[in-house]
């Protein structure tokens, strides 16, 4: 049916999961409308820290060329806020009282940052202190970027993946940066204490001070400037306070509609909510008791739901947990959940060179991994992890042997290059250019950590007799 006679699928949200779903639906001939509350066109949130660092052209944030949505069959409506879901009428209500009908509704509302309980962050009129910068959206990034040239010092509150990325970006821009993490070590939600210690040591070596096991309590203005006071007594003079700690699934719309909500919007293996015509994907969705904050599971959910809404029978059986830190001079990859995985632990730590590598192996299979400071084998290890390869007794230790080999890696066609999109070296070699790689495989469009490998693979492709690449 045409969009005029069939309301099709309406997606609330226009982030990375929503765009991937819309592309999958449009390719199958399904009418799809994206309602995004930000005025900016859909963008890659993961690359914001790279833009802040000036290591990435802002134009590369766009998930698609800005004029290509209509041509692809996607009705994109930015700057539109949905305030209610009328499930009986199968319509969503916009802030201007307009109504948009749907046949199927998908919630891809993402997550929202939460303010830490720090006195002085919010002024009496309800606005943020002018030196305080949340870092979540492209508008946040632009505001912080504009403040950097007149600042000398910054404190980043939160020692998770985003906090470390922002801290390195600001340090690369020339600011004296301090990181405050309430947990006992950095990346406490993803890695064990030895790995966190290696990261803290690396940051200090790069000129960034780290305070762990400490919480910010109040922001104070005095005659000598602004000071952030910690509960351990430290007083950090600063020009900028960047908030990267704390976030929760955006579920208010689903709650008001009477859908089942726990931490996130509850979905089954078909990514369907308690209403059979309403679905949820990405950071706002909770499947089997788990919410995720990463691109790979969100894209996986989008692919499954696009298939189901077009009449297929794919199911979602749990996310493929792969986390990658994108920050200059900091290399981290996490597979599975190393903090809770049960199995035999094979571990190599070399604090002299700043590397920590840990595999959790059960029945010969890698069920979790932590790699800090040396990602030279991340593709090989990820391939074994994804395929459930049964390793021989000596193979786990062999995978972790050595530090930063000087010789270039030779990747087999089945070696995974892009952990976000699950793209192999062979798939990259089959492409003719970087743009071809991005459009056909999605490699480099997630965290961007695979960009160097992708360029090297393209550069190493053999020449054809005519002088071009094969």
Protein backbone atom coordinates (compact mmCIF):
# COMPACT_ATOMS: atom_id res chain seq x y z
CA UNK A 1 0.00 0.00 0.00
CA UNK A 2 1.08 3.60 -0.47
CA UNK A 3 1.76 5.85 2.49
CA UNK A 4 -1.43 7.77 1.67
CA UNK A 5 -3.70 4.80 2.45
CA UNK A 6 -1.54 2.97 4.98
CA UNK A 7 -0.21 4.77 8.07
CA UNK A 8 2.61 2.27 8.12
CA UNK A 9 5.21 2.25 10.87
CA UNK A 10 5.82 5.29 13.03
CA UNK A 11 9.08 5.44 14.98
CA UNK A 12 9.37 7.77 17.97
CA UNK A 13 13.04 8.73 17.96
CA UNK A 14 15.57 9.40 15.21
CA UNK A 15 18.79 8.03 16.65
CA UNK A 16 21.09 5.28 15.47
CA UNK A 17 18.68 2.42 16.18
CA UNK A 18 15.73 4.26 14.64
CA UNK A 19 17.54 5.06 11.40
CA UNK A 20 18.79 1.50 11.02
CA UNK A 21 15.21 0.22 11.50
CA UNK A 22 13.81 2.77 9.04
CA UNK A 23 16.34 1.78 6.39
CA UNK A 24 15.48 -1.88 6.83
CA UNK A 25 11.75 -1.20 6.55
CA UNK A 26 12.04 1.15 3.58
CA UNK A 27 14.16 -1.41 1.73
CA UNK A 28 11.29 -3.87 2.17
CA UNK A 29 8.72 -1.40 0.83
CA UNK A 30 7.15 -0.57 4.21
CA UNK A 31 6.01 3.01 4.83
CA UNK A 32 7.97 4.45 7.75
CA UNK A 33 7.94 7.80 9.57
CA UNK A 34 10.68 8.97 11.94
CA UNK A 35 9.70 11.53 14.57
CA UNK A 36 12.82 13.06 16.13
CA UNK A 37 12.69 15.61 18.93
CA UNK A 38 16.09 17.14 18.06
CA UNK A 39 16.28 19.77 15.34
CA UNK A 40 19.49 18.21 13.98
CA UNK A 41 19.23 15.43 11.39
CA UNK A 42 20.01 11.92 12.71
CA UNK A 43 23.63 11.66 13.78
CA UNK A 44 26.18 9.25 15.21
CA UNK A 45 26.21 9.96 18.94
CA UNK A 46 29.32 7.83 19.49
CA UNK A 47 31.48 10.20 17.43
CA UNK A 48 30.61 13.32 19.44
CA UNK A 49 33.77 13.03 21.55
CA UNK A 50 35.83 12.77 18.36
CA UNK A 51 34.21 15.98 17.08
CA UNK A 52 34.97 17.64 20.43
CA UNK A 53 38.58 16.53 20.06
CA UNK A 54 38.64 18.00 16.53
CA UNK A 55 39.63 14.54 15.27
CA UNK A 56 36.44 14.11 13.25
CA UNK A 57 34.78 16.41 10.74
CA UNK A 58 31.30 17.28 12.09
CA UNK A 59 29.83 16.39 8.70
CA UNK A 60 30.75 12.75 9.38
CA UNK A 61 28.21 12.68 12.21
CA UNK A 62 25.33 12.39 9.75
CA UNK A 63 23.98 8.85 9.57
CA UNK A 64 22.85 9.44 5.99
CA UNK A 65 23.27 12.29 3.50
CA UNK A 66 20.76 14.89 4.62
CA UNK A 67 18.73 14.87 1.43
CA UNK A 68 18.54 11.11 1.08
CA UNK A 69 15.76 10.19 3.50
CA UNK A 70 12.83 10.98 1.22
CA UNK A 71 14.56 9.31 -1.73
CA UNK A 72 14.98 6.18 0.39
CA UNK A 73 11.27 6.16 1.28
CA UNK A 74 11.71 7.48 4.84
CA UNK A 75 9.50 10.32 6.09
CA UNK A 76 11.90 12.11 8.49
CA UNK A 77 10.41 14.79 10.72
CA UNK A 78 13.03 16.42 12.97
CA UNK A 79 12.18 18.84 15.76
CA UNK A 80 8.95 16.99 16.57
CA UNK A 81 8.12 16.04 20.15
CA UNK A 82 5.66 13.25 20.92
CA UNK A 83 3.80 13.85 24.19
CA UNK A 84 1.20 11.07 24.26
CA UNK A 85 0.29 7.74 22.70
CA UNK A 86 -3.41 7.17 22.00
CA UNK A 87 -3.41 3.39 21.77
CA UNK A 88 -7.16 3.14 21.15
CA UNK A 89 -7.02 5.46 18.14
CA UNK A 90 -3.55 4.21 17.10
CA UNK A 91 -2.20 7.72 16.98
CA UNK A 92 0.64 9.63 18.61
CA UNK A 93 -0.03 13.15 19.85
CA UNK A 94 2.56 15.85 19.19
CA UNK A 95 3.40 18.86 21.34
CA UNK A 96 1.50 21.12 18.89
CA UNK A 97 -1.59 18.84 19.36
CA UNK A 98 -1.26 17.37 15.86
CA UNK A 99 -1.82 13.62 15.57
CA UNK A 100 0.10 11.06 13.56
CA UNK A 101 -1.65 7.73 12.87
CA UNK A 102 0.21 4.43 12.95
CA UNK A 103 -0.36 0.82 12.07
CA UNK A 104 2.67 -0.20 14.16
CA UNK A 105 4.47 2.07 16.62
CA UNK A 106 8.13 1.70 17.58
CA UNK A 107 9.61 3.42 20.60
CA UNK A 108 13.28 4.26 20.03
CA UNK A 109 13.44 7.04 22.59
CA UNK A 110 16.94 6.17 23.84
CA UNK A 111 18.22 7.21 27.25
CA UNK A 112 18.30 10.49 29.10
CA UNK A 113 21.12 11.81 31.31
CA UNK A 114 20.52 12.21 35.03
CA UNK A 115 22.04 14.98 37.11
CA UNK A 116 24.21 13.84 40.02
CA UNK A 117 23.18 15.15 43.47
CA UNK A 118 25.70 17.99 43.54
CA UNK A 119 24.71 21.25 45.22
CA UNK A 120 25.20 24.25 42.99
CA UNK A 121 24.81 22.50 39.63
CA UNK A 122 21.35 24.02 39.22
CA UNK A 123 20.73 27.71 39.92
CA UNK A 124 17.64 28.96 41.81
CA UNK A 125 15.85 29.69 38.53
CA UNK A 126 16.17 26.03 37.52
CA UNK A 127 18.86 26.51 34.88
CA UNK A 128 22.27 24.84 34.96
CA UNK A 129 25.28 26.72 36.27
CA UNK A 130 26.98 28.26 33.19
CA UNK A 131 30.16 26.24 33.78
CA UNK A 132 28.25 22.93 33.88
CA UNK A 133 27.96 20.92 30.66
CA UNK A 134 26.02 17.68 30.23
CA UNK A 135 27.41 15.67 27.31
CA UNK A 136 24.81 13.63 25.50
CA UNK A 137 23.53 15.42 22.40
CA UNK A 138 25.02 17.26 19.45
CA UNK A 139 23.76 20.50 21.03
CA UNK A 140 25.68 19.64 24.22
CA UNK A 141 28.79 18.99 22.14
CA UNK A 142 28.51 22.33 20.34
CA UNK A 143 28.04 24.22 23.60
CA UNK A 144 31.04 22.55 25.23
CA UNK A 145 33.15 23.02 22.10
CA UNK A 146 32.40 26.75 22.17
CA UNK A 147 33.48 26.98 25.83
CA UNK A 148 36.83 25.19 25.40
CA UNK A 149 38.86 28.07 23.87
CA UNK A 150 38.38 30.28 26.94
CA UNK A 151 38.96 27.51 29.52
CA UNK A 152 42.16 26.17 31.04
CA UNK A 153 40.85 23.49 33.40
CA UNK A 154 38.04 20.94 33.29
CA UNK A 155 36.61 18.32 35.61
CA UNK A 156 34.80 15.34 34.08
CA UNK A 157 32.31 13.73 36.46
CA UNK A 158 32.08 10.04 35.55
CA UNK A 159 34.77 7.49 34.76
CA UNK A 160 32.81 5.34 32.34
CA UNK A 161 33.33 4.98 28.59
CA UNK A 162 31.87 8.38 27.76
CA UNK A 163 33.70 10.13 30.60
CA UNK A 164 37.09 8.83 29.48
CA UNK A 165 36.39 9.78 25.87
CA UNK A 166 35.47 13.33 26.84
CA UNK A 167 38.42 13.61 29.22
CA UNK A 168 40.89 12.64 26.48
CA UNK A 169 39.21 14.96 23.98
CA UNK A 170 39.54 17.93 26.32
CA UNK A 171 43.13 17.02 27.20
CA UNK A 172 44.05 16.79 23.51
CA UNK A 173 42.56 20.28 23.13
CA UNK A 174 45.08 21.51 25.72
CA UNK A 175 43.03 21.67 28.93
CA UNK A 176 44.21 20.38 32.29
CA UNK A 177 41.66 17.66 32.99
CA UNK A 178 40.65 15.78 36.13
CA UNK A 179 38.28 12.79 36.24
CA UNK A 180 36.05 12.04 39.24
CA UNK A 181 34.61 8.53 39.53
CA UNK A 182 32.46 7.43 42.45
CA UNK A 183 33.37 3.75 42.01
CA UNK A 184 36.58 2.19 43.21
CA UNK A 185 38.06 2.07 39.69
CA UNK A 186 37.48 3.41 36.19
CA UNK A 187 35.02 1.63 33.88
CA UNK A 188 33.65 -0.20 36.92
CA UNK A 189 30.56 -1.36 35.03
CA UNK A 190 32.65 -3.09 32.39
CA UNK A 191 36.08 -4.15 33.64
CA UNK A 192 37.73 -5.54 36.74
CA UNK A 193 39.95 -3.55 39.12
CA UNK A 194 43.35 -4.38 37.51
CA UNK A 195 42.11 -3.11 34.14
CA UNK A 196 40.75 0.03 35.77
CA UNK A 197 44.11 0.60 37.47
CA UNK A 198 45.92 0.31 34.12
CA UNK A 199 43.57 2.92 32.64
CA UNK A 200 44.07 5.29 35.57
CA UNK A 201 47.84 4.91 35.23
CA UNK A 202 47.63 5.62 31.49
CA UNK A 203 45.53 8.74 32.06
CA UNK A 204 47.95 10.08 34.65
CA UNK A 205 50.82 9.40 32.28
CA UNK A 206 48.96 11.46 29.69
CA UNK A 207 48.53 14.33 32.14
CA UNK A 208 45.01 13.70 33.48
CA UNK A 209 44.51 13.27 37.22
CA UNK A 210 42.04 10.62 38.36
CA UNK A 211 40.03 10.50 41.60
CA UNK A 212 38.31 7.17 42.23
CA UNK A 213 36.11 6.27 45.19
CA UNK A 214 35.19 9.95 45.41
CA UNK A 215 31.99 11.84 44.67
CA UNK A 216 31.37 15.48 43.87
CA UNK A 217 29.22 17.12 46.54
CA UNK A 218 28.99 20.82 45.69
CA UNK A 219 29.99 23.46 43.17
CA UNK A 220 31.20 26.65 44.81
CA UNK A 221 31.81 30.14 43.41
CA UNK A 222 34.49 32.13 45.21
CA UNK A 223 36.77 35.11 44.67
CA UNK A 224 39.32 32.86 42.94
CA UNK A 225 36.83 31.20 40.59
CA UNK A 226 34.78 28.00 40.54
CA UNK A 227 35.60 24.98 42.69
CA UNK A 228 34.13 21.48 42.66
CA UNK A 229 34.32 19.96 46.14
CA UNK A 230 34.59 16.17 46.59
CA UNK A 231 33.49 14.08 49.55
CA UNK A 232 37.12 13.15 50.26
CA UNK A 233 37.92 16.79 50.98
CA UNK A 234 39.55 17.60 47.65
CA UNK A 235 38.65 20.97 46.11
CA UNK A 236 39.17 21.07 42.34
CA UNK A 237 39.47 24.52 40.77
CA UNK A 238 37.89 24.39 37.34
CA UNK A 239 36.52 26.39 34.44
CA UNK A 240 34.27 23.58 33.14
CA UNK A 241 32.37 20.74 34.79
CA UNK A 242 31.33 18.04 32.30
CA UNK A 243 28.66 15.55 33.39
CA UNK A 244 28.94 12.08 31.86
CA UNK A 245 27.83 9.94 34.82
CA UNK A 246 24.32 8.61 35.08
CA UNK A 247 21.63 7.88 32.55
CA UNK A 248 18.40 5.93 32.36
CA UNK A 249 16.11 4.61 29.63
CA UNK A 250 13.58 7.20 28.43
CA UNK A 251 10.33 5.51 29.42
CA UNK A 252 7.97 8.36 30.39
CA UNK A 253 5.99 8.14 27.15
CA UNK A 254 5.52 4.39 27.53
CA UNK A 255 4.49 4.72 31.18
CA UNK A 256 1.83 7.31 30.38
CA UNK A 257 0.50 4.99 27.69
CA UNK A 258 0.10 2.17 30.22
CA UNK A 259 2.74 -0.11 28.68
CA UNK A 260 4.70 -2.47 30.92
CA UNK A 261 7.80 -0.66 32.12
CA UNK A 262 10.43 -1.73 34.60
CA UNK A 263 13.86 -0.19 34.16
CA UNK A 264 13.12 0.00 30.43
CA UNK A 265 10.13 -0.68 28.20
CA UNK A 266 9.62 -4.44 28.51
CA UNK A 267 9.76 -6.37 25.21
CA UNK A 268 9.66 -10.05 24.26
CA UNK A 269 11.78 -11.98 21.73
CA UNK A 270 9.87 -10.22 18.93
CA UNK A 271 10.67 -6.82 20.48
CA UNK A 272 6.97 -6.35 21.14
CA UNK A 273 5.69 -4.55 24.24
CA UNK A 274 2.59 -5.40 26.28
CA UNK A 275 0.61 -3.88 23.38
CA UNK A 276 0.97 -6.12 20.29
CA UNK A 277 1.05 -3.08 17.98
CA UNK A 278 3.77 -1.26 19.91
CA UNK A 279 7.45 -2.22 19.89
CA UNK A 280 10.65 -0.87 21.44
CA UNK A 281 14.33 -1.04 20.48
CA UNK A 282 17.63 0.44 21.59
CA UNK A 283 18.51 2.04 24.90
CA UNK A 284 14.88 2.38 26.05
CA UNK A 285 14.04 -1.33 25.60
CA UNK A 286 14.37 -4.02 28.26
CA UNK A 287 14.64 -7.61 27.03
CA UNK A 288 14.95 -10.53 29.41
CA UNK A 289 15.60 -8.13 32.27
CA UNK A 290 18.48 -6.37 30.47
CA UNK A 291 18.79 -2.85 29.09
CA UNK A 292 21.78 -1.96 26.92
CA UNK A 293 23.59 1.24 26.12
CA UNK A 294 25.60 0.14 23.11
CA UNK A 295 25.24 0.37 19.35
CA UNK A 296 25.68 -3.34 18.38
CA UNK A 297 22.63 -4.62 20.28
CA UNK A 298 20.55 -1.65 19.14
CA UNK A 299 21.42 -2.33 15.51
CA UNK A 300 20.77 -6.03 16.01
CA UNK A 301 17.34 -5.25 17.45
CA UNK A 302 16.62 -2.92 14.53
CA UNK A 303 17.47 -5.65 12.01
CA UNK A 304 15.26 -8.20 13.79
CA UNK A 305 12.31 -5.83 14.08
CA UNK A 306 12.56 -4.69 10.45
CA UNK A 307 12.31 -8.33 9.42
CA UNK A 308 9.34 -9.03 11.70
CA UNK A 309 7.39 -5.93 10.71
CA UNK A 310 7.85 -6.92 7.06
CA UNK A 311 6.39 -10.38 7.75
CA UNK A 312 9.52 -12.31 8.76
CA UNK A 313 10.03 -14.51 11.79
CA UNK A 314 13.43 -13.51 13.18
CA UNK A 315 13.66 -13.33 16.95
CA UNK A 316 15.95 -11.49 19.33
CA UNK A 317 17.60 -13.76 21.87
CA UNK A 318 19.82 -11.30 23.68
CA UNK A 319 22.40 -8.72 22.76
CA UNK A 320 25.91 -9.31 21.56
CA UNK A 321 27.75 -7.33 24.22
CA UNK A 322 30.80 -5.63 22.72
CA UNK A 323 32.02 -2.32 24.17
CA UNK A 324 34.82 -0.29 22.63
CA UNK A 325 36.45 2.86 24.00
CA UNK A 326 37.17 5.49 21.38
CA UNK A 327 39.77 7.87 22.86
CA UNK A 328 43.23 8.96 21.76
CA UNK A 329 45.95 6.84 23.43
CA UNK A 330 43.42 4.74 25.36
CA UNK A 331 42.52 1.31 23.95
CA UNK A 332 39.78 -0.78 25.57
CA UNK A 333 37.50 -3.52 24.29
CA UNK A 334 35.10 -5.61 26.39
CA UNK A 335 33.26 -8.73 25.19
CA UNK A 336 30.43 -10.21 27.19
CA UNK A 337 30.33 -9.46 30.90
CA UNK A 338 33.78 -10.17 32.39
CA UNK A 339 32.58 -9.11 35.83
CA UNK A 340 29.98 -11.88 36.17
CA UNK A 341 30.96 -14.52 33.60
CA UNK A 342 31.68 -17.95 35.08
CA UNK A 343 34.62 -20.00 33.79
CA UNK A 344 38.38 -20.41 33.85
CA UNK A 345 40.27 -17.12 33.78
CA UNK A 346 43.34 -16.65 31.60
CA UNK A 347 44.96 -13.32 32.35
CA UNK A 348 48.08 -11.39 31.35
CA UNK A 349 48.88 -8.01 32.88
CA UNK A 350 51.92 -5.94 31.96
CA UNK A 351 51.83 -2.60 33.80
CA UNK A 352 55.20 -1.63 32.34
CA UNK A 353 53.66 -1.25 28.86
CA UNK A 354 50.15 -0.55 30.19
CA UNK A 355 48.34 -3.65 28.99
CA UNK A 356 45.83 -5.97 30.64
CA UNK A 357 44.23 -8.89 28.81
CA UNK A 358 41.76 -11.31 30.33
CA UNK A 359 39.71 -14.16 28.89
CA UNK A 360 36.98 -16.10 30.66
CA UNK A 361 36.77 -19.57 29.10
CA UNK A 362 34.05 -22.15 29.75
CA UNK A 363 34.02 -25.56 28.07
CA UNK A 364 36.78 -24.34 25.77
CA UNK A 365 34.78 -21.33 24.57
CA UNK A 366 35.47 -17.65 25.25
CA UNK A 367 32.46 -16.30 27.15
CA UNK A 368 33.94 -12.91 28.10
CA UNK A 369 37.07 -10.86 27.52
CA UNK A 370 38.75 -7.64 28.61
CA UNK A 371 41.48 -6.04 26.51
CA UNK A 372 43.17 -2.86 27.76
CA UNK A 373 46.16 -1.21 26.16
CA UNK A 374 46.58 -3.67 23.29
CA UNK A 375 43.80 -4.39 20.80
CA UNK A 376 45.99 -6.11 18.23
CA UNK A 377 44.05 -9.36 18.66
CA UNK A 378 40.57 -7.99 19.24
CA UNK A 379 39.32 -9.14 15.82
CA UNK A 380 40.55 -12.70 16.30
CA UNK A 381 39.25 -12.96 19.85
CA UNK A 382 35.89 -11.46 18.86
CA UNK A 383 35.59 -13.99 16.03
CA UNK A 384 36.15 -16.89 18.44
CA UNK A 385 33.70 -15.33 20.90
CA UNK A 386 30.96 -14.84 18.30
CA UNK A 387 31.31 -18.28 16.72
CA UNK A 388 31.69 -20.12 20.01
CA UNK A 389 34.94 -21.69 18.80
CA UNK A 390 36.14 -24.56 20.98
CA UNK A 391 39.77 -23.75 21.74
CA UNK A 392 42.54 -26.19 22.57
CA UNK A 393 44.10 -26.11 26.08
CA UNK A 394 47.01 -23.89 25.00
CA UNK A 395 45.10 -21.55 22.68
CA UNK A 396 43.65 -19.05 25.20
CA UNK A 397 47.12 -18.25 26.55
CA UNK A 398 48.51 -18.02 23.01
CA UNK A 399 45.82 -15.47 22.14
CA UNK A 400 47.06 -13.23 24.94
CA UNK A 401 50.79 -13.65 24.37
CA UNK A 402 52.99 -10.73 23.37
CA UNK A 403 52.59 -6.98 23.46
CA UNK A 404 51.95 -4.68 20.49
CA UNK A 405 53.64 -6.65 17.67
CA UNK A 406 55.78 -4.50 15.41
CA UNK A 407 54.81 -6.38 12.23
CA UNK A 408 51.54 -5.41 10.55
CA UNK A 409 48.65 -7.75 11.11
CA UNK A 410 47.48 -9.93 8.25
CA UNK A 411 43.75 -10.38 8.71
CA UNK A 412 42.01 -13.42 7.29
CA UNK A 413 38.73 -12.83 5.49
CA UNK A 414 36.73 -14.17 8.44
CA UNK A 415 38.47 -11.91 11.00
CA UNK A 416 36.08 -9.36 12.42
CA UNK A 417 37.15 -5.77 11.79
CA UNK A 418 34.12 -3.78 12.95
CA UNK A 419 32.73 -4.97 16.26
CA UNK A 420 29.79 -2.54 16.13
CA UNK A 421 28.33 -3.87 12.88
CA UNK A 422 29.95 -7.34 12.85
CA UNK A 423 31.85 -6.72 9.59
CA UNK A 424 34.66 -9.04 8.53
CA UNK A 425 37.88 -8.25 6.70
CA UNK A 426 36.56 -10.13 3.68
CA UNK A 427 33.49 -7.91 3.49
CA UNK A 428 35.71 -4.82 3.57
CA UNK A 429 38.03 -6.20 0.88
CA UNK A 430 34.99 -6.71 -1.35
CA UNK A 431 34.33 -2.95 -1.30
CA UNK A 432 35.86 -0.42 -3.70
CA UNK A 433 36.17 2.61 -1.42
CA UNK A 434 35.65 3.88 2.11
CA UNK A 435 32.29 5.31 1.09
CA UNK A 436 31.35 1.91 -0.34
CA UNK A 437 32.34 0.27 2.96
CA UNK A 438 30.20 2.71 4.94
CA UNK A 439 27.12 2.40 2.74
CA UNK A 440 27.17 -1.36 2.23
CA UNK A 441 28.58 -2.75 5.50
CA UNK A 442 28.23 0.09 8.06
CA UNK A 443 31.83 -0.42 9.17
CA UNK A 444 33.36 2.83 10.60
CA UNK A 445 29.89 4.31 11.22
CA UNK A 446 29.61 3.10 14.82
CA UNK A 447 32.38 3.93 17.29
CA UNK A 448 34.86 4.51 14.46
CA UNK A 449 37.51 2.41 16.15
CA UNK A 450 37.92 0.22 13.08
CA UNK A 451 38.68 3.09 10.68
CA UNK A 452 42.44 2.49 10.55
CA UNK A 453 42.00 -1.24 9.88
CA UNK A 454 39.44 -0.54 7.16
CA UNK A 455 41.71 1.96 5.42
CA UNK A 456 44.63 -0.47 5.63
CA UNK A 457 42.52 -3.27 4.13
CA UNK A 458 41.38 -1.03 1.27
CA UNK A 459 44.95 0.15 0.63
CA UNK A 460 46.24 -3.43 0.51
CA UNK A 461 43.76 -4.62 -2.10
CA UNK A 462 45.58 -5.89 -5.23
CA UNK A 463 45.59 -3.80 -8.36
CA UNK A 464 43.74 -4.92 -11.48
CA UNK A 465 45.57 -5.00 -14.84
CA UNK A 466 43.96 -1.66 -15.69
CA UNK A 467 45.57 -0.05 -12.68
CA UNK A 468 42.47 0.10 -10.49
CA UNK A 469 41.66 -1.98 -7.45
CA UNK A 470 39.95 -5.28 -7.71
